[in-house]
Amino acid sequence: MMILYLHGFRSSPQSAKAQKLAQAMHDRGLGSNWLCPQLPASPAQAMALVHGLIENARKQGLQPGRDLTVIGSSLGGYYAAHLAQRWDCRAVLLNPVIHAARDLATQVGEHTQFHSEEPFVFLPEYVDELAGLAVDRPSRPERYFLLAATGDEVLDWREMVQWYAGCASRIICGSDHGISDFDRWLPEVMAFALHAPHKP
C-alpha cells in the first residue's frame, strides 16, 4: 500500500500536516509506504511527476484501486481529485480547491514558498494547465473523504461540501485554511487512508 501526499500552492513536504502524517506513518512502521514529493509550480509537470511515481509503484506490485490513497491539501486536493479519477484510488481532501483555474488565476506572478526563500513564478499558462486537469464530481463517493473547515480564510468551505456531497466528510466548525488543529483530526484521516475502522 502507499499513501501519497500532495501539498498546496506555495507549500512543501515541510508543511505541518505533511510532517504530522509522515510521523504517523513512521509510528505505524509504514514509513516506506509514504511519499510526499516537492511539486513543481507547473501543474502539468506536477502531474507528470506524480503519475511517474505511481507508475513506478505499479511496476513493484502496487494496485492503485486497492492499495493507493492520495491525500491532498488545498491545490493538492484538486490534484488528488484528478488522480482519484485517473487511478480509481481513494482520496482524502483537506480544504481542497474546487475550481483551480478560477481561483489560481489571481496568483499569476512571482512568489516564494512558505518554507524557504526560494522564488518561483506561476505563469499564465499554468492556469490553462489547471483547467485541463478538471474532473467531474466523484462518481464513486465512497472512495473520498473530505475535511473542510468553516473558518477557512482562503476558500469557501460550502463549495467543497457541495462538490463532495455524498462522500464521507468531517466539517470542522472554525479552524482555518491550514487546519491548525490537524492533530485532532489526524486519527480519522489515517483511518480512512489505511482502510481501518476509526475509533473516536
C-alpha atoms as a PDB file:
ATOM      1  CA  MET A   1       0.000   0.000   0.000  1.00  0.00           C
ATOM      2  CA  MET A   2       1.040   3.600  -0.447  1.00  0.00           C
ATOM      3  CA  ILE A   3      -0.053   6.991   0.835  1.00  0.00           C
ATOM      4  CA  LEU A   4       0.843   9.868  -1.468  1.00  0.00           C
ATOM      5  CA  TYR A   5       0.603  13.381  -0.009  1.00  0.00           C
ATOM      6  CA  LEU A   6       0.264  16.423  -2.280  1.00  0.00           C
ATOM      7  CA  HIS A   7       0.919  19.809  -0.706  1.00  0.00           C
ATOM      8  CA  GLY A   8      -0.785  23.061  -1.606  1.00  0.00           C
ATOM      9  CA  PHE A   9       0.204  26.181  -3.506  1.00  0.00           C
ATOM     10  CA  ARG A  10       3.471  27.682  -2.160  1.00  0.00           C
ATOM     11  CA  SER A  11       3.713  24.799   0.316  1.00  0.00           C
ATOM     12  CA  SER A  12       6.116  21.858   0.539  1.00  0.00           C
ATOM     13  CA  PRO A  13       6.798  18.498   2.205  1.00  0.00           C
ATOM     14  CA  GLN A  14       7.885  20.580   5.224  1.00  0.00           C
ATOM     15  CA  SER A  15       4.302  21.681   5.908  1.00  0.00           C
ATOM     16  CA  ALA A  16       2.891  20.890   9.345  1.00  0.00           C
ATOM     17  CA  LYS A  17       0.246  18.485   8.008  1.00  0.00           C
ATOM     18  CA  ALA A  18       2.747  16.625   5.828  1.00  0.00           C
ATOM     19  CA  GLN A  19       5.141  16.262   8.749  1.00  0.00           C
ATOM     20  CA  LYS A  20       2.420  15.022  11.104  1.00  0.00           C
ATOM     21  CA  LEU A  21       1.202  12.466   8.580  1.00  0.00           C
ATOM     22  CA  ALA A  22       4.750  11.310   7.854  1.00  0.00           C
ATOM     23  CA  GLN A  23       5.314  10.805  11.585  1.00  0.00           C
ATOM     24  CA  ALA A  24       2.028   8.908  11.918  1.00  0.00           C
ATOM     25  CA  MET A  25       3.111   6.569   9.117  1.00  0.00           C
ATOM     26  CA  HIS A  26       6.530   6.108  10.710  1.00  0.00           C
ATOM     27  CA  ASP A  27       4.948   5.343  14.086  1.00  0.00           C
ATOM     28  CA  ARG A  28       2.934   2.578  12.442  1.00  0.00           C
ATOM     29  CA  GLY A  29       6.025   1.076  10.834  1.00  0.00           C
ATOM     30  CA  LEU A  30       4.857   2.285   7.423  1.00  0.00           C
ATOM     31  CA  GLY A  31       7.484   4.910   6.683  1.00  0.00           C
ATOM     32  CA  SER A  32       8.463   3.172   3.443  1.00  0.00           C
ATOM     33  CA  ASN A  33       4.823   3.402   2.278  1.00  0.00           C
ATOM     34  CA  TRP A  34       4.801   7.211   2.438  1.00  0.00           C
ATOM     35  CA  LEU A  35       5.525   9.534  -0.475  1.00  0.00           C
ATOM     36  CA  CYS A  36       5.466  13.330  -0.334  1.00  0.00           C
ATOM     37  CA  PRO A  37       7.222  14.956  -3.300  1.00  0.00           C
ATOM     38  CA  GLN A  38       8.008  18.620  -3.774  1.00  0.00           C
ATOM     39  CA  LEU A  39       5.659  19.594  -6.594  1.00  0.00           C
ATOM     40  CA  PRO A  40       6.769  21.866  -9.441  1.00  0.00           C
ATOM     41  CA  ALA A  41       4.874  25.113  -9.968  1.00  0.00           C
ATOM     42  CA  SER A  42       3.639  23.843 -13.338  1.00  0.00           C
ATOM     43  CA  PRO A  43       0.501  21.722 -12.804  1.00  0.00           C
ATOM     44  CA  ALA A  44       1.334  19.641 -15.895  1.00  0.00           C
ATOM     45  CA  GLN A  45       4.835  18.939 -14.586  1.00  0.00           C
ATOM     46  CA  ALA A  46       3.462  18.209 -11.116  1.00  0.00           C
ATOM     47  CA  MET A  47       1.075  15.621 -12.503  1.00  0.00           C
ATOM     48  CA  ALA A  48       3.760  14.089 -14.730  1.00  0.00           C
ATOM     49  CA  LEU A  49       5.937  13.664 -11.640  1.00  0.00           C
ATOM     50  CA  VAL A  50       3.149  12.087  -9.602  1.00  0.00           C
ATOM     51  CA  HIS A  51       1.948   9.795 -12.391  1.00  0.00           C
ATOM     52  CA  GLY A  52       5.546   8.633 -12.722  1.00  0.00           C
ATOM     53  CA  LEU A  53       5.732   7.814  -9.013  1.00  0.00           C
ATOM     54  CA  ILE A  54       2.505   5.824  -9.218  1.00  0.00           C
ATOM     55  CA  GLU A  55       3.658   4.002 -12.354  1.00  0.00           C
ATOM     56  CA  ASN A  56       6.920   3.042 -10.652  1.00  0.00           C
ATOM     57  CA  ALA A  57       4.984   1.711  -7.676  1.00  0.00           C
ATOM     58  CA  ARG A  58       2.715  -0.252 -10.017  1.00  0.00           C
ATOM     59  CA  LYS A  59       5.762  -1.964 -11.516  1.00  0.00           C
ATOM     60  CA  GLN A  60       6.606  -3.096  -7.998  1.00  0.00           C
ATOM     61  CA  GLY A  61       3.154  -4.580  -7.447  1.00  0.00           C
ATOM     62  CA  LEU A  62       1.022  -1.667  -6.260  1.00  0.00           C
ATOM     63  CA  GLN A  63      -2.611  -1.914  -7.318  1.00  0.00           C
ATOM     64  CA  PRO A  64      -3.844   1.704  -7.130  1.00  0.00           C
ATOM     65  CA  GLY A  65      -7.520   0.830  -6.819  1.00  0.00           C
ATOM     66  CA  ARG A  66      -6.781  -1.286  -3.767  1.00  0.00           C
ATOM     67  CA  ASP A  67      -3.509  -0.010  -2.355  1.00  0.00           C
ATOM     68  CA  LEU A  68      -3.250   3.738  -3.016  1.00  0.00           C
ATOM     69  CA  THR A  69      -4.643   6.669  -1.077  1.00  0.00           C
ATOM     70  CA  VAL A  70      -3.867  10.205  -2.225  1.00  0.00           C
ATOM     71  CA  ILE A  71      -4.095  12.946   0.413  1.00  0.00           C
ATOM     72  CA  GLY A  72      -4.203  16.482  -0.941  1.00  0.00           C
ATOM     73  CA  SER A  73      -4.294  19.858   0.782  1.00  0.00           C
ATOM     74  CA  SER A  74      -5.728  22.949  -0.917  1.00  0.00           C
ATOM     75  CA  LEU A  75      -4.378  22.876  -4.504  1.00  0.00           C
ATOM     76  CA  GLY A  76      -3.070  19.414  -3.670  1.00  0.00           C
ATOM     77  CA  GLY A  77      -6.697  18.447  -3.038  1.00  0.00           C
ATOM     78  CA  TYR A  78      -7.553  19.493  -6.593  1.00  0.00           C
ATOM     79  CA  TYR A  79      -4.695  17.336  -7.851  1.00  0.00           C
ATOM     80  CA  ALA A  80      -5.821  14.454  -5.618  1.00  0.00           C
ATOM     81  CA  ALA A  81      -9.318  14.566  -7.125  1.00  0.00           C
ATOM     82  CA  HIS A  82      -7.789  14.338 -10.600  1.00  0.00           C
ATOM     83  CA  LEU A  83      -5.639  11.364  -9.574  1.00  0.00           C
ATOM     84  CA  ALA A  84      -8.535   9.593  -7.858  1.00  0.00           C
ATOM     85  CA  GLN A  85     -10.494   9.693 -11.117  1.00  0.00           C
ATOM     86  CA  ARG A  86      -7.486   8.635 -13.206  1.00  0.00           C
ATOM     87  CA  TRP A  87      -6.372   5.752 -10.985  1.00  0.00           C
ATOM     88  CA  ASP A  88      -9.687   4.859  -9.308  1.00  0.00           C
ATOM     89  CA  CYS A  89      -7.976   5.195  -5.931  1.00  0.00           C
ATOM     90  CA  ARG A  90      -9.021   6.625  -2.577  1.00  0.00           C
ATOM     91  CA  ALA A  91      -8.603  10.328  -1.852  1.00  0.00           C
ATOM     92  CA  VAL A  92      -8.567  12.474   1.268  1.00  0.00           C
ATOM     93  CA  LEU A  93      -9.247  16.144   0.541  1.00  0.00           C
ATOM     94  CA  LEU A  94      -8.094  18.736   3.110  1.00  0.00           C
ATOM     95  CA  ASN A  95      -9.741  22.115   2.414  1.00  0.00           C
ATOM     96  CA  PRO A  96      -9.439  21.360  -1.311  1.00  0.00           C
ATOM     97  CA  VAL A  97      -9.539  23.825  -4.179  1.00  0.00           C
ATOM     98  CA  ILE A  98     -12.606  23.032  -6.279  1.00  0.00           C
ATOM     99  CA  HIS A  99     -12.232  25.383  -9.250  1.00  0.00           C
ATOM    100  CA  ALA A 100      -8.481  25.758  -9.550  1.00  0.00           C
ATOM    101  CA  ALA A 101      -8.274  27.687 -12.818  1.00  0.00           C
ATOM    102  CA  ARG A 102     -10.623  30.311 -11.417  1.00  0.00           C
ATOM    103  CA  ASP A 103      -9.001  30.572  -8.006  1.00  0.00           C
ATOM    104  CA  LEU A 104      -5.346  30.439  -9.075  1.00  0.00           C
ATOM    105  CA  ALA A 105      -5.737  32.922 -11.942  1.00  0.00           C
ATOM    106  CA  THR A 106      -5.209  35.639  -9.327  1.00  0.00           C
ATOM    107  CA  GLN A 107      -1.831  34.132  -8.378  1.00  0.00           C
ATOM    108  CA  VAL A 108      -0.011  34.632 -11.686  1.00  0.00           C
ATOM    109  CA  GLY A 109       3.367  36.189 -10.908  1.00  0.00           C
ATOM    110  CA  GLU A 110       6.395  35.632  -8.679  1.00  0.00           C
ATOM    111  CA  HIS A 111       6.102  34.039  -5.236  1.00  0.00           C
ATOM    112  CA  THR A 112       8.221  32.496  -2.530  1.00  0.00           C
ATOM    113  CA  GLN A 113       7.449  29.234  -0.788  1.00  0.00           C
ATOM    114  CA  PHE A 114       6.198  29.216   2.781  1.00  0.00           C
ATOM    115  CA  HIS A 115       9.102  27.076   3.986  1.00  0.00           C
ATOM    116  CA  SER A 116      12.003  28.640   2.070  1.00  0.00           C
ATOM    117  CA  GLU A 117      13.071  31.856   0.406  1.00  0.00           C
ATOM    118  CA  GLU A 118      13.280  30.097  -2.954  1.00  0.00           C
ATOM    119  CA  PRO A 119      11.350  32.178  -5.528  1.00  0.00           C
ATOM    120  CA  PHE A 120       9.177  30.675  -8.216  1.00  0.00           C
ATOM    121  CA  VAL A 121       6.969  32.074 -10.943  1.00  0.00           C
ATOM    122  CA  PHE A 122       3.383  30.983 -11.524  1.00  0.00           C
ATOM    123  CA  LEU A 123       2.967  31.533 -15.252  1.00  0.00           C
ATOM    124  CA  PRO A 124      -0.285  32.418 -17.078  1.00  0.00           C
ATOM    125  CA  GLU A 125      -0.162  29.120 -18.985  1.00  0.00           C
ATOM    126  CA  TYR A 126      -0.309  27.258 -15.682  1.00  0.00           C
ATOM    127  CA  VAL A 127      -3.903  28.424 -15.325  1.00  0.00           C
ATOM    128  CA  ASP A 128      -4.711  26.631 -18.587  1.00  0.00           C
ATOM    129  CA  GLU A 129      -2.906  23.542 -17.306  1.00  0.00           C
ATOM    130  CA  LEU A 130      -5.107  23.602 -14.205  1.00  0.00           C
ATOM    131  CA  ALA A 131      -8.224  23.844 -16.373  1.00  0.00           C
ATOM    132  CA  GLY A 132      -7.039  20.775 -18.273  1.00  0.00           C
ATOM    133  CA  LEU A 133      -6.936  18.743 -15.056  1.00  0.00           C
ATOM    134  CA  ALA A 134     -10.549  19.437 -14.111  1.00  0.00           C
ATOM    135  CA  VAL A 135     -12.730  16.407 -13.377  1.00  0.00           C
ATOM    136  CA  ASP A 136     -16.414  15.912 -12.649  1.00  0.00           C
ATOM    137  CA  ARG A 137     -17.874  15.335  -9.211  1.00  0.00           C
ATOM    138  CA  PRO A 138     -16.902  11.947  -7.757  1.00  0.00           C
ATOM    139  CA  SER A 139     -18.580   9.027  -9.472  1.00  0.00           C
ATOM    140  CA  ARG A 140     -17.606   6.745  -6.566  1.00  0.00           C
ATOM    141  CA  PRO A 141     -18.234   8.882  -3.472  1.00  0.00           C
ATOM    142  CA  GLU A 142     -17.349   6.039  -1.110  1.00  0.00           C
ATOM    143  CA  ARG A 143     -13.707   6.460  -2.135  1.00  0.00           C
ATOM    144  CA  TYR A 144     -13.446  10.069  -0.922  1.00  0.00           C
ATOM    145  CA  PHE A 145     -13.095  11.714   2.484  1.00  0.00           C
ATOM    146  CA  LEU A 146     -13.473  15.485   2.812  1.00  0.00           C
ATOM    147  CA  LEU A 147     -12.101  17.519   5.694  1.00  0.00           C
ATOM    148  CA  ALA A 148     -13.420  21.085   5.383  1.00  0.00           C
ATOM    149  CA  ALA A 149     -13.075  23.955   7.870  1.00  0.00           C
ATOM    150  CA  THR A 150     -15.793  26.581   8.127  1.00  0.00           C
ATOM    151  CA  GLY A 151     -13.103  29.041   9.245  1.00  0.00           C
ATOM    152  CA  ASP A 152     -11.118  28.657   6.006  1.00  0.00           C
ATOM    153  CA  GLU A 153      -9.994  32.203   5.203  1.00  0.00           C
ATOM    154  CA  VAL A 154      -8.856  31.343   1.648  1.00  0.00           C
ATOM    155  CA  LEU A 155     -11.507  29.054   0.158  1.00  0.00           C
ATOM    156  CA  ASP A 156     -15.282  28.678   0.548  1.00  0.00           C
ATOM    157  CA  TRP A 157     -15.965  25.547   2.576  1.00  0.00           C
ATOM    158  CA  ARG A 158     -19.574  25.443   1.295  1.00  0.00           C
ATOM    159  CA  GLU A 159     -18.291  24.943  -2.236  1.00  0.00           C
ATOM    160  CA  MET A 160     -16.283  21.942  -1.012  1.00  0.00           C
ATOM    161  CA  VAL A 161     -19.277  20.420   0.759  1.00  0.00           C
ATOM    162  CA  GLN A 162     -21.500  20.872  -2.285  1.00  0.00           C
ATOM    163  CA  TRP A 163     -18.937  19.353  -4.651  1.00  0.00           C
ATOM    164  CA  TYR A 164     -18.291  16.339  -2.420  1.00  0.00           C
ATOM    165  CA  ALA A 165     -21.906  15.791  -1.363  1.00  0.00           C
ATOM    166  CA  GLY A 166     -22.460  12.106  -0.642  1.00  0.00           C
ATOM    167  CA  CYS A 167     -18.829  11.493   0.289  1.00  0.00           C
ATOM    168  CA  ALA A 168     -17.595  10.772   3.795  1.00  0.00           C
ATOM    169  CA  SER A 169     -16.779  14.092   5.392  1.00  0.00           C
ATOM    170  CA  ARG A 170     -15.846  15.923   8.552  1.00  0.00           C
ATOM    171  CA  ILE A 171     -16.916  19.554   8.651  1.00  0.00           C
ATOM    172  CA  ILE A 172     -14.812  21.412  11.203  1.00  0.00           C
ATOM    173  CA  CYS A 173     -16.538  24.308  12.924  1.00  0.00           C
ATOM    174  CA  GLY A 174     -13.964  27.075  12.841  1.00  0.00           C
ATOM    175  CA  SER A 175     -10.259  26.272  12.337  1.00  0.00           C
ATOM    176  CA  ASP A 176      -8.536  27.794   9.286  1.00  0.00           C
ATOM    177  CA  HIS A 177      -7.227  27.042   5.794  1.00  0.00           C
ATOM    178  CA  GLY A 178      -4.108  25.317   7.108  1.00  0.00           C
ATOM    179  CA  ILE A 179      -6.199  23.280   9.612  1.00  0.00           C
ATOM    180  CA  SER A 180      -4.005  24.342  12.537  1.00  0.00           C
ATOM    181  CA  ASP A 181      -5.868  21.857  14.779  1.00  0.00           C
ATOM    182  CA  PHE A 182      -4.997  18.981  12.451  1.00  0.00           C
ATOM    183  CA  ASP A 183      -3.786  16.825  15.370  1.00  0.00           C
ATOM    184  CA  ARG A 184      -7.415  16.450  16.396  1.00  0.00           C
ATOM    185  CA  TRP A 185      -8.459  15.079  13.014  1.00  0.00           C
ATOM    186  CA  LEU A 186      -5.348  13.079  12.177  1.00  0.00           C
ATOM    187  CA  PRO A 187      -6.673   9.745  13.539  1.00  0.00           C
ATOM    188  CA  GLU A 188      -9.780   9.999  11.350  1.00  0.00           C
ATOM    189  CA  VAL A 189      -7.725  10.858   8.268  1.00  0.00           C
ATOM    190  CA  MET A 190      -5.331   7.979   8.915  1.00  0.00           C
ATOM    191  CA  ALA A 191      -8.187   5.522   9.477  1.00  0.00           C
ATOM    192  CA  PHE A 192      -9.704   6.348   6.090  1.00  0.00           C
ATOM    193  CA  ALA A 193      -6.357   6.386   4.311  1.00  0.00           C
ATOM    194  CA  LEU A 194      -5.369   2.993   5.735  1.00  0.00           C
ATOM    195  CA  HIS A 195      -8.816   1.371   5.305  1.00  0.00           C
ATOM    196  CA  ALA A 196      -9.042   0.958   9.082  1.00  0.00           C
ATOM    197  CA  PRO A 197     -12.089   1.494  11.310  1.00  0.00           C
ATOM    198  CA  HIS A 198     -11.958   4.803  13.176  1.00  0.00           C
ATOM    199  CA  LYS A 199     -12.452   4.661  16.930  1.00  0.00           C
ATOM    200  CA  PRO A 200     -13.351   8.146  18.238  1.00  0.00           C
END
